[in-house]
Amino acid sequence: MRLSKQLRDAVQRLVEDTIRQRSASWGLATVTAVNGNGTVDIATPLGPVAAVRRLKSYSAPAVNDVVKVSRNPDGNWIVDGALA
């Protein structure tokens, strides 16, 4: 019976991870670096992400800005803009 519970738990974790990875999402992040090529590095609850493109409307990024970010199912990130 123990193996059955372990298997059930493993399948549950796999399903949760798959759903999380394949769904689009948005959240908040903090800018940790501003790069000269139109990207910023950010710190998210999922960990750091380097070289994230930003929308042109977010024209004056600065370190420590709190920004709204979006992530698509393929794992690509974009910075939508800073919070006021």
PDB file of N, CA and C in Angstrom:
ATOM      1  N   MET A   1       0.824  -1.193   0.000  1.00  0.00           N
ATOM      2  CA  MET A   1       0.000   0.000   0.000  1.00  0.00           C
ATOM      3  C   MET A   1       0.869   1.258   0.000  1.00  0.00           C
ATOM      4  N   ARG A   2       2.028   1.230   0.613  1.00  0.00           N
ATOM      5  CA  ARG A   2       2.914   2.397   0.655  1.00  0.00           C
ATOM      6  C   ARG A   2       3.362   2.808  -0.742  1.00  0.00           C
ATOM      7  N   LEU A   3       3.700   1.825  -1.576  1.00  0.00           N
ATOM      8  CA  LEU A   3       4.100   2.123  -2.942  1.00  0.00           C
ATOM      9  C   LEU A   3       2.972   2.826  -3.679  1.00  0.00           C
ATOM     10  N   SER A   4       1.766   2.421  -3.466  1.00  0.00           N
ATOM     11  CA  SER A   4       0.623   3.036  -4.115  1.00  0.00           C
ATOM     12  C   SER A   4       0.511   4.519  -3.747  1.00  0.00           C
ATOM     13  N   LYS A   5       0.704   4.860  -2.483  1.00  0.00           N
ATOM     14  CA  LYS A   5       0.649   6.263  -2.055  1.00  0.00           C
ATOM     15  C   LYS A   5       1.809   7.045  -2.654  1.00  0.00           C
ATOM     16  N   GLN A   6       2.994   6.456  -2.693  1.00  0.00           N
ATOM     17  CA  GLN A   6       4.146   7.132  -3.292  1.00  0.00           C
ATOM     18  C   GLN A   6       3.897   7.387  -4.777  1.00  0.00           C
ATOM     19  N   LEU A   7       3.367   6.410  -5.448  1.00  0.00           N
ATOM     20  CA  LEU A   7       3.069   6.568  -6.864  1.00  0.00           C
ATOM     21  C   LEU A   7       2.014   7.647  -7.075  1.00  0.00           C
ATOM     22  N   ARG A   8       0.981   7.618  -6.269  1.00  0.00           N
ATOM     23  CA  ARG A   8      -0.081   8.618  -6.355  1.00  0.00           C
ATOM     24  C   ARG A   8       0.477  10.021  -6.115  1.00  0.00           C
ATOM     25  N   ASP A   9       1.345  10.184  -5.111  1.00  0.00           N
ATOM     26  CA  ASP A   9       1.957  11.485  -4.823  1.00  0.00           C
ATOM     27  C   ASP A   9       2.840  11.946  -5.975  1.00  0.00           C
ATOM     28  N   ALA A  10       3.595  11.016  -6.576  1.00  0.00           N
ATOM     29  CA  ALA A  10       4.474  11.362  -7.695  1.00  0.00           C
ATOM     30  C   ALA A  10       3.659  11.822  -8.903  1.00  0.00           C
ATOM     31  N   VAL A  11       2.567  11.127  -9.179  1.00  0.00           N
ATOM     32  CA  VAL A  11       1.703  11.519 -10.291  1.00  0.00           C
ATOM     33  C   VAL A  11       1.087  12.885 -10.019  1.00  0.00           C
ATOM     34  N   GLN A  12       0.656  13.133  -8.807  1.00  0.00           N
ATOM     35  CA  GLN A  12       0.071  14.426  -8.448  1.00  0.00           C
ATOM     36  C   GLN A  12       1.079  15.553  -8.663  1.00  0.00           C
ATOM     37  N   ARG A  13       2.325  15.359  -8.225  1.00  0.00           N
ATOM     38  CA  ARG A  13       3.363  16.380  -8.416  1.00  0.00           C
ATOM     39  C   ARG A  13       3.620  16.620  -9.904  1.00  0.00           C
ATOM     40  N   LEU A  14       3.674  15.550 -10.678  1.00  0.00           N
ATOM     41  CA  LEU A  14       3.901  15.667 -12.119  1.00  0.00           C
ATOM     42  C   LEU A  14       2.788  16.463 -12.788  1.00  0.00           C
ATOM     43  N   VAL A  15       1.559  16.180 -12.440  1.00  0.00           N
ATOM     44  CA  VAL A  15       0.414  16.896 -13.010  1.00  0.00           C
ATOM     45  C   VAL A  15       0.475  18.378 -12.630  1.00  0.00           C
ATOM     46  N   GLU A  16       0.732  18.679 -11.374  1.00  0.00           N
ATOM     47  CA  GLU A  16       0.804  20.071 -10.927  1.00  0.00           C
ATOM     48  C   GLU A  16       1.928  20.815 -11.638  1.00  0.00           C
ATOM     49  N   ASP A  17       3.089  20.190 -11.762  1.00  0.00           N
ATOM     50  CA  ASP A  17       4.221  20.820 -12.448  1.00  0.00           C
ATOM     51  C   ASP A  17       3.910  21.062 -13.915  1.00  0.00           C
ATOM     52  N   THR A  18       3.276  20.103 -14.565  1.00  0.00           N
ATOM     53  CA  THR A  18       2.939  20.231 -15.983  1.00  0.00           C
ATOM     54  C   THR A  18       1.949  21.356 -16.204  1.00  0.00           C
ATOM     55  N   ILE A  19       0.936  21.439 -15.379  1.00  0.00           N
ATOM     56  CA  ILE A  19      -0.056  22.512 -15.509  1.00  0.00           C
ATOM     57  C   ILE A  19       0.610  23.858 -15.289  1.00  0.00           C
ATOM     58  N   ARG A  20       1.449  23.970 -14.276  1.00  0.00           N
ATOM     59  CA  ARG A  20       2.129  25.230 -13.980  1.00  0.00           C
ATOM     60  C   ARG A  20       3.017  25.650 -15.145  1.00  0.00           C
ATOM     61  N   GLN A  21       3.717  24.706 -15.752  1.00  0.00           N
ATOM     62  CA  GLN A  21       4.641  25.018 -16.836  1.00  0.00           C
ATOM     63  C   GLN A  21       3.920  25.358 -18.132  1.00  0.00           C
ATOM     64  N   ARG A  22       2.762  24.786 -18.375  1.00  0.00           N
ATOM     65  CA  ARG A  22       2.081  24.970 -19.650  1.00  0.00           C
ATOM     66  C   ARG A  22       1.008  26.054 -19.630  1.00  0.00           C
ATOM     67  N   SER A  23       0.885  26.793 -18.548  1.00  0.00           N
ATOM     68  CA  SER A  23      -0.122  27.841 -18.502  1.00  0.00           C
ATOM     69  C   SER A  23       0.539  29.214 -18.497  1.00  0.00           C
ATOM     70  N   ALA A  24      -0.102  30.143 -19.192  1.00  0.00           N
ATOM     71  CA  ALA A  24       0.380  31.522 -19.178  1.00  0.00           C
ATOM     72  C   ALA A  24       0.076  32.116 -17.809  1.00  0.00           C
ATOM     73  N   SER A  25       0.901  33.045 -17.420  1.00  0.00           N
ATOM     74  CA  SER A  25       0.668  33.660 -16.120  1.00  0.00           C
ATOM     75  C   SER A  25       1.260  35.061 -16.097  1.00  0.00           C
ATOM     76  N   TRP A  26       0.893  35.797 -15.087  1.00  0.00           N
ATOM     77  CA  TRP A  26       1.501  37.092 -14.858  1.00  0.00           C
ATOM     78  C   TRP A  26       1.792  37.199 -13.371  1.00  0.00           C
ATOM     79  N   GLY A  27       2.645  38.154 -13.022  1.00  0.00           N
ATOM     80  CA  GLY A  27       2.985  38.366 -11.627  1.00  0.00           C
ATOM     81  C   GLY A  27       3.804  39.634 -11.472  1.00  0.00           C
ATOM     82  N   LEU A  28       4.337  39.799 -10.289  1.00  0.00           N
ATOM     83  CA  LEU A  28       5.179  40.959  -9.998  1.00  0.00           C
ATOM     84  C   LEU A  28       6.617  40.501  -9.849  1.00  0.00           C
ATOM     85  N   ALA A  29       7.530  41.378 -10.220  1.00  0.00           N
ATOM     86  CA  ALA A  29       8.950  41.093 -10.107  1.00  0.00           C
ATOM     87  C   ALA A  29       9.677  42.384  -9.771  1.00  0.00           C
ATOM     88  N   THR A  30      10.925  42.261  -9.385  1.00  0.00           N
ATOM     89  CA  THR A  30      11.769  43.417  -9.098  1.00  0.00           C
ATOM     90  C   THR A  30      12.907  43.443 -10.104  1.00  0.00           C
ATOM     91  N   VAL A  31      13.154  44.610 -10.685  1.00  0.00           N
ATOM     92  CA  VAL A  31      14.256  44.764 -11.633  1.00  0.00           C
ATOM     93  C   VAL A  31      15.568  44.713 -10.854  1.00  0.00           C
ATOM     94  N   THR A  32      16.468  43.839 -11.282  1.00  0.00           N
ATOM     95  CA  THR A  32      17.770  43.717 -10.616  1.00  0.00           C
ATOM     96  C   THR A  32      18.906  44.292 -11.444  1.00  0.00           C
ATOM     97  N   ALA A  33      18.693  44.461 -12.752  1.00  0.00           N
ATOM     98  CA  ALA A  33      19.707  45.066 -13.622  1.00  0.00           C
ATOM     99  C   ALA A  33      19.024  45.584 -14.883  1.00  0.00           C
ATOM    100  N   VAL A  34      19.540  46.695 -15.395  1.00  0.00           N
ATOM    101  CA  VAL A  34      19.058  47.253 -16.653  1.00  0.00           C
ATOM    102  C   VAL A  34      20.177  47.060 -17.676  1.00  0.00           C
ATOM    103  N   ASN A  35      19.865  46.344 -18.736  1.00  0.00           N
ATOM    104  CA  ASN A  35      20.849  46.043 -19.768  1.00  0.00           C
ATOM    105  C   ASN A  35      20.722  47.019 -20.933  1.00  0.00           C
ATOM    106  N   GLY A  36      21.790  47.234 -21.651  1.00  0.00           N
ATOM    107  CA  GLY A  36      21.812  48.200 -22.741  1.00  0.00           C
ATOM    108  C   GLY A  36      21.123  47.746 -24.010  1.00  0.00           C
ATOM    109  N   ASN A  37      20.635  46.530 -24.053  1.00  0.00           N
ATOM    110  CA  ASN A  37      20.031  45.999 -25.274  1.00  0.00           C
ATOM    111  C   ASN A  37      18.497  45.948 -25.217  1.00  0.00           C
ATOM    112  N   GLY A  38      17.891  46.739 -24.332  1.00  0.00           N
ATOM    113  CA  GLY A  38      16.433  46.764 -24.244  1.00  0.00           C
ATOM    114  C   GLY A  38      15.852  45.708 -23.335  1.00  0.00           C
ATOM    115  N   THR A  39      16.693  45.064 -22.545  1.00  0.00           N
ATOM    116  CA  THR A  39      16.221  44.038 -21.627  1.00  0.00           C
ATOM    117  C   THR A  39      16.538  44.432 -20.193  1.00  0.00           C
ATOM    118  N   VAL A  40      15.884  43.751 -19.280  1.00  0.00           N
ATOM    119  CA  VAL A  40      16.178  43.906 -17.856  1.00  0.00           C
ATOM    120  C   VAL A  40      16.300  42.521 -17.240  1.00  0.00           C
ATOM    121  N   ASP A  41      17.046  42.421 -16.164  1.00  0.00           N
ATOM    122  CA  ASP A  41      17.083  41.204 -15.361  1.00  0.00           C
ATOM    123  C   ASP A  41      16.097  41.413 -14.223  1.00  0.00           C
ATOM    124  N   ILE A  42      15.371  40.358 -13.865  1.00  0.00           N
ATOM    125  CA  ILE A  42      14.347  40.485 -12.830  1.00  0.00           C
ATOM    126  C   ILE A  42      14.466  39.359 -11.804  1.00  0.00           C
ATOM    127  N   ALA A  43      13.945  39.641 -10.631  1.00  0.00           N
ATOM    128  CA  ALA A  43      13.813  38.636  -9.572  1.00  0.00           C
ATOM    129  C   ALA A  43      12.323  38.362  -9.416  1.00  0.00           C
ATOM    130  N   THR A  44      11.932  37.095  -9.580  1.00  0.00           N
ATOM    131  CA  THR A  44      10.539  36.693  -9.472  1.00  0.00           C
ATOM    132  C   THR A  44      10.402  35.685  -8.332  1.00  0.00           C
ATOM    133  N   PRO A  45       9.180  35.389  -7.906  1.00  0.00           N
ATOM    134  CA  PRO A  45       8.997  34.338  -6.897  1.00  0.00           C
ATOM    135  C   PRO A  45       9.489  32.970  -7.372  1.00  0.00           C
ATOM    136  N   LEU A  46       9.594  32.779  -8.700  1.00  0.00           N
ATOM    137  CA  LEU A  46      10.098  31.524  -9.252  1.00  0.00           C
ATOM    138  C   LEU A  46      11.622  31.510  -9.360  1.00  0.00           C
ATOM    139  N   GLY A  47      12.257  32.666  -9.094  1.00  0.00           N
ATOM    140  CA  GLY A  47      13.705  32.772  -9.189  1.00  0.00           C
ATOM    141  C   GLY A  47      14.099  33.889 -10.136  1.00  0.00           C
ATOM    142  N   PRO A  48      15.404  34.093 -10.300  1.00  0.00           N
ATOM    143  CA  PRO A  48      15.865  35.167 -11.184  1.00  0.00           C
ATOM    144  C   PRO A  48      15.673  34.801 -12.653  1.00  0.00           C
ATOM    145  N   VAL A  49      15.429  35.839 -13.474  1.00  0.00           N
ATOM    146  CA  VAL A  49      15.299  35.661 -14.920  1.00  0.00           C
ATOM    147  C   VAL A  49      16.140  36.745 -15.577  1.00  0.00           C
ATOM    148  N   ALA A  50      17.046  36.348 -16.459  1.00  0.00           N
ATOM    149  CA  ALA A  50      17.950  37.296 -17.113  1.00  0.00           C
ATOM    150  C   ALA A  50      17.427  37.708 -18.482  1.00  0.00           C
ATOM    151  N   ALA A  51      17.762  38.926 -18.879  1.00  0.00           N
ATOM    152  CA  ALA A  51      17.536  39.442 -20.229  1.00  0.00           C
ATOM    153  C   ALA A  51      16.087  39.327 -20.685  1.00  0.00           C
ATOM    154  N   VAL A  52      15.180  39.902 -19.911  1.00  0.00           N
ATOM    155  CA  VAL A  52      13.757  39.891 -20.254  1.00  0.00           C
ATOM    156  C   VAL A  52      13.442  41.147 -21.059  1.00  0.00           C
ATOM    157  N   ARG A  53      12.816  40.968 -22.202  1.00  0.00           N
ATOM    158  CA  ARG A  53      12.408  42.106 -23.025  1.00  0.00           C
ATOM    159  C   ARG A  53      11.347  42.915 -22.297  1.00  0.00           C
ATOM    160  N   ARG A  54      11.327  44.203 -22.598  1.00  0.00           N
ATOM    161  CA  ARG A  54      10.326  45.074 -21.985  1.00  0.00           C
ATOM    162  C   ARG A  54       9.547  45.791 -23.075  1.00  0.00           C
ATOM    163  N   LEU A  55       8.301  46.139 -22.759  1.00  0.00           N
ATOM    164  CA  LEU A  55       7.493  46.899 -23.704  1.00  0.00           C
ATOM    165  C   LEU A  55       8.070  48.298 -23.854  1.00  0.00           C
ATOM    166  N   LYS A  56       7.882  48.908 -25.024  1.00  0.00           N
ATOM    167  CA  LYS A  56       8.416  50.254 -25.264  1.00  0.00           C
ATOM    168  C   LYS A  56       7.811  51.286 -24.318  1.00  0.00           C
ATOM    169  N   SER A  57       6.603  51.034 -23.855  1.00  0.00           N
ATOM    170  CA  SER A  57       5.965  51.983 -22.933  1.00  0.00           C
ATOM    171  C   SER A  57       6.693  52.044 -21.589  1.00  0.00           C
ATOM    172  N   TYR A  58       7.472  51.022 -21.268  1.00  0.00           N
ATOM    173  CA  TYR A  58       8.304  51.028 -20.051  1.00  0.00           C
ATOM    174  C   TYR A  58       9.683  51.525 -20.475  1.00  0.00           C
ATOM    175  N   SER A  59       9.761  52.841 -20.678  1.00  0.00           N
ATOM    176  CA  SER A  59      10.920  53.436 -21.335  1.00  0.00           C
ATOM    177  C   SER A  59      12.060  53.838 -20.409  1.00  0.00           C
ATOM    178  N   ALA A  60      11.835  53.888 -19.119  1.00  0.00           N
ATOM    179  CA  ALA A  60      12.890  54.318 -18.199  1.00  0.00           C
ATOM    180  C   ALA A  60      13.029  53.324 -17.039  1.00  0.00           C
ATOM    181  N   PRO A  61      13.455  52.113 -17.341  1.00  0.00           N
ATOM    182  CA  PRO A  61      13.580  51.117 -16.268  1.00  0.00           C
ATOM    183  C   PRO A  61      14.691  51.479 -15.301  1.00  0.00           C
ATOM    184  N   ALA A  62      14.514  51.087 -14.059  1.00  0.00           N
ATOM    185  CA  ALA A  62      15.529  51.341 -13.031  1.00  0.00           C
ATOM    186  C   ALA A  62      15.590  50.147 -12.089  1.00  0.00           C
ATOM    187  N   VAL A  63      16.772  49.908 -11.568  1.00  0.00           N
ATOM    188  CA  VAL A  63      16.954  48.843 -10.590  1.00  0.00           C
ATOM    189  C   VAL A  63      16.032  49.118  -9.407  1.00  0.00           C
ATOM    190  N   ASN A  64      15.431  48.080  -8.890  1.00  0.00           N
ATOM    191  CA  ASN A  64      14.475  48.087  -7.772  1.00  0.00           C
ATOM    192  C   ASN A  64      13.057  48.480  -8.172  1.00  0.00           C
ATOM    193  N   ASP A  65      12.801  48.777  -9.448  1.00  0.00           N
ATOM    194  CA  ASP A  65      11.420  48.984  -9.888  1.00  0.00           C
ATOM    195  C   ASP A  65      10.639  47.692  -9.657  1.00  0.00           C
ATOM    196  N   VAL A  66       9.410  47.827  -9.192  1.00  0.00           N
ATOM    197  CA  VAL A  66       8.502  46.683  -9.124  1.00  0.00           C
ATOM    198  C   VAL A  66       7.699  46.708 -10.414  1.00  0.00           C
ATOM    199  N   VAL A  67       7.744  45.608 -11.155  1.00  0.00           N
ATOM    200  CA  VAL A  67       7.143  45.564 -12.480  1.00  0.00           C
ATOM    201  C   VAL A  67       6.152  44.416 -12.600  1.00  0.00           C
ATOM    202  N   LYS A  68       5.189  44.589 -13.515  1.00  0.00           N
ATOM    203  CA  LYS A  68       4.280  43.498 -13.873  1.00  0.00           C
ATOM    204  C   LYS A  68       4.950  42.731 -14.997  1.00  0.00           C
ATOM    205  N   VAL A  69       5.002  41.416 -14.854  1.00  0.00           N
ATOM    206  CA  VAL A  69       5.606  40.557 -15.869  1.00  0.00           C
ATOM    207  C   VAL A  69       4.604  39.505 -16.317  1.00  0.00           C
ATOM    208  N   SER A  70       4.766  39.067 -17.542  1.00  0.00           N
ATOM    209  CA  SER A  70       3.938  37.987 -18.082  1.00  0.00           C
ATOM    210  C   SER A  70       4.857  36.885 -18.588  1.00  0.00           C
ATOM    211  N   ARG A  71       4.357  35.643 -18.489  1.00  0.00           N
ATOM    212  CA  ARG A  71       5.113  34.486 -18.966  1.00  0.00           C
ATOM    213  C   ARG A  71       4.166  33.623 -19.783  1.00  0.00           C
ATOM    214  N   ASN A  72       4.616  33.219 -20.970  1.00  0.00           N
ATOM    215  CA  ASN A  72       3.762  32.358 -21.788  1.00  0.00           C
ATOM    216  C   ASN A  72       4.081  30.892 -21.519  1.00  0.00           C
ATOM    217  N   PRO A  73       3.307  29.971 -22.069  1.00  0.00           N
ATOM    218  CA  PRO A  73       3.529  28.548 -21.782  1.00  0.00           C
ATOM    219  C   PRO A  73       4.902  28.026 -22.193  1.00  0.00           C
ATOM    220  N   ASP A  74       5.560  28.688 -23.138  1.00  0.00           N
ATOM    221  CA  ASP A  74       6.884  28.255 -23.571  1.00  0.00           C
ATOM    222  C   ASP A  74       7.988  28.735 -22.632  1.00  0.00           C
ATOM    223  N   GLY A  75       7.625  29.538 -21.627  1.00  0.00           N
ATOM    224  CA  GLY A  75       8.603  30.020 -20.674  1.00  0.00           C
ATOM    225  C   GLY A  75       9.209  31.359 -21.026  1.00  0.00           C
ATOM    226  N   ASN A  76       8.679  32.031 -22.035  1.00  0.00           N
ATOM    227  CA  ASN A  76       9.181  33.349 -22.415  1.00  0.00           C
ATOM    228  C   ASN A  76       8.550  34.420 -21.532  1.00  0.00           C
ATOM    229  N   TRP A  77       9.363  35.373 -21.118  1.00  0.00           N
ATOM    230  CA  TRP A  77       8.923  36.436 -20.223  1.00  0.00           C
ATOM    231  C   TRP A  77       8.909  37.768 -20.953  1.00  0.00           C
ATOM    232  N   ILE A  78       8.048  38.690 -20.487  1.00  0.00           N
ATOM    233  CA  ILE A  78       8.049  40.069 -20.952  1.00  0.00           C
ATOM    234  C   ILE A  78       7.678  40.961 -19.779  1.00  0.00           C
ATOM    235  N   VAL A  79       8.335  42.116 -19.712  1.00  0.00           N
ATOM    236  CA  VAL A  79       8.005  43.106 -18.683  1.00  0.00           C
ATOM    237  C   VAL A  79       6.977  44.039 -19.285  1.00  0.00           C
ATOM    238  N   ASP A  80       5.799  44.094 -18.669  1.00  0.00           N
ATOM    239  CA  ASP A  80       4.702  44.922 -19.177  1.00  0.00           C
ATOM    240  C   ASP A  80       4.857  46.375 -18.753  1.00  0.00           C
ATOM    241  N   GLY A  81       5.429  46.634 -17.591  1.00  0.00           N
ATOM    242  CA  GLY A  81       5.608  48.004 -17.126  1.00  0.00           C
ATOM    243  C   GLY A  81       5.760  48.064 -15.617  1.00  0.00           C
ATOM    244  N   ALA A  82       6.170  49.236 -15.161  1.00  0.00           N
ATOM    245  CA  ALA A  82       6.395  49.444 -13.728  1.00  0.00           C
ATOM    246  C   ALA A  82       5.098  49.824 -13.039  1.00  0.00           C
ATOM    247  N   LEU A  83       5.006  49.486 -11.765  1.00  0.00           N
ATOM    248  CA  LEU A  83       3.867  49.923 -10.959  1.00  0.00           C
ATOM    249  C   LEU A  83       4.107  51.349 -10.503  1.00  0.00           C
ATOM    250  N   ALA A  84       3.041  52.077 -10.319  1.00  0.00           N
ATOM    251  CA  ALA A  84       3.172  53.483  -9.911  1.00  0.00           C
ATOM    252  C   ALA A  84       3.659  53.588  -8.489  1.00  0.00           C
TER     253      ALA A  84
END
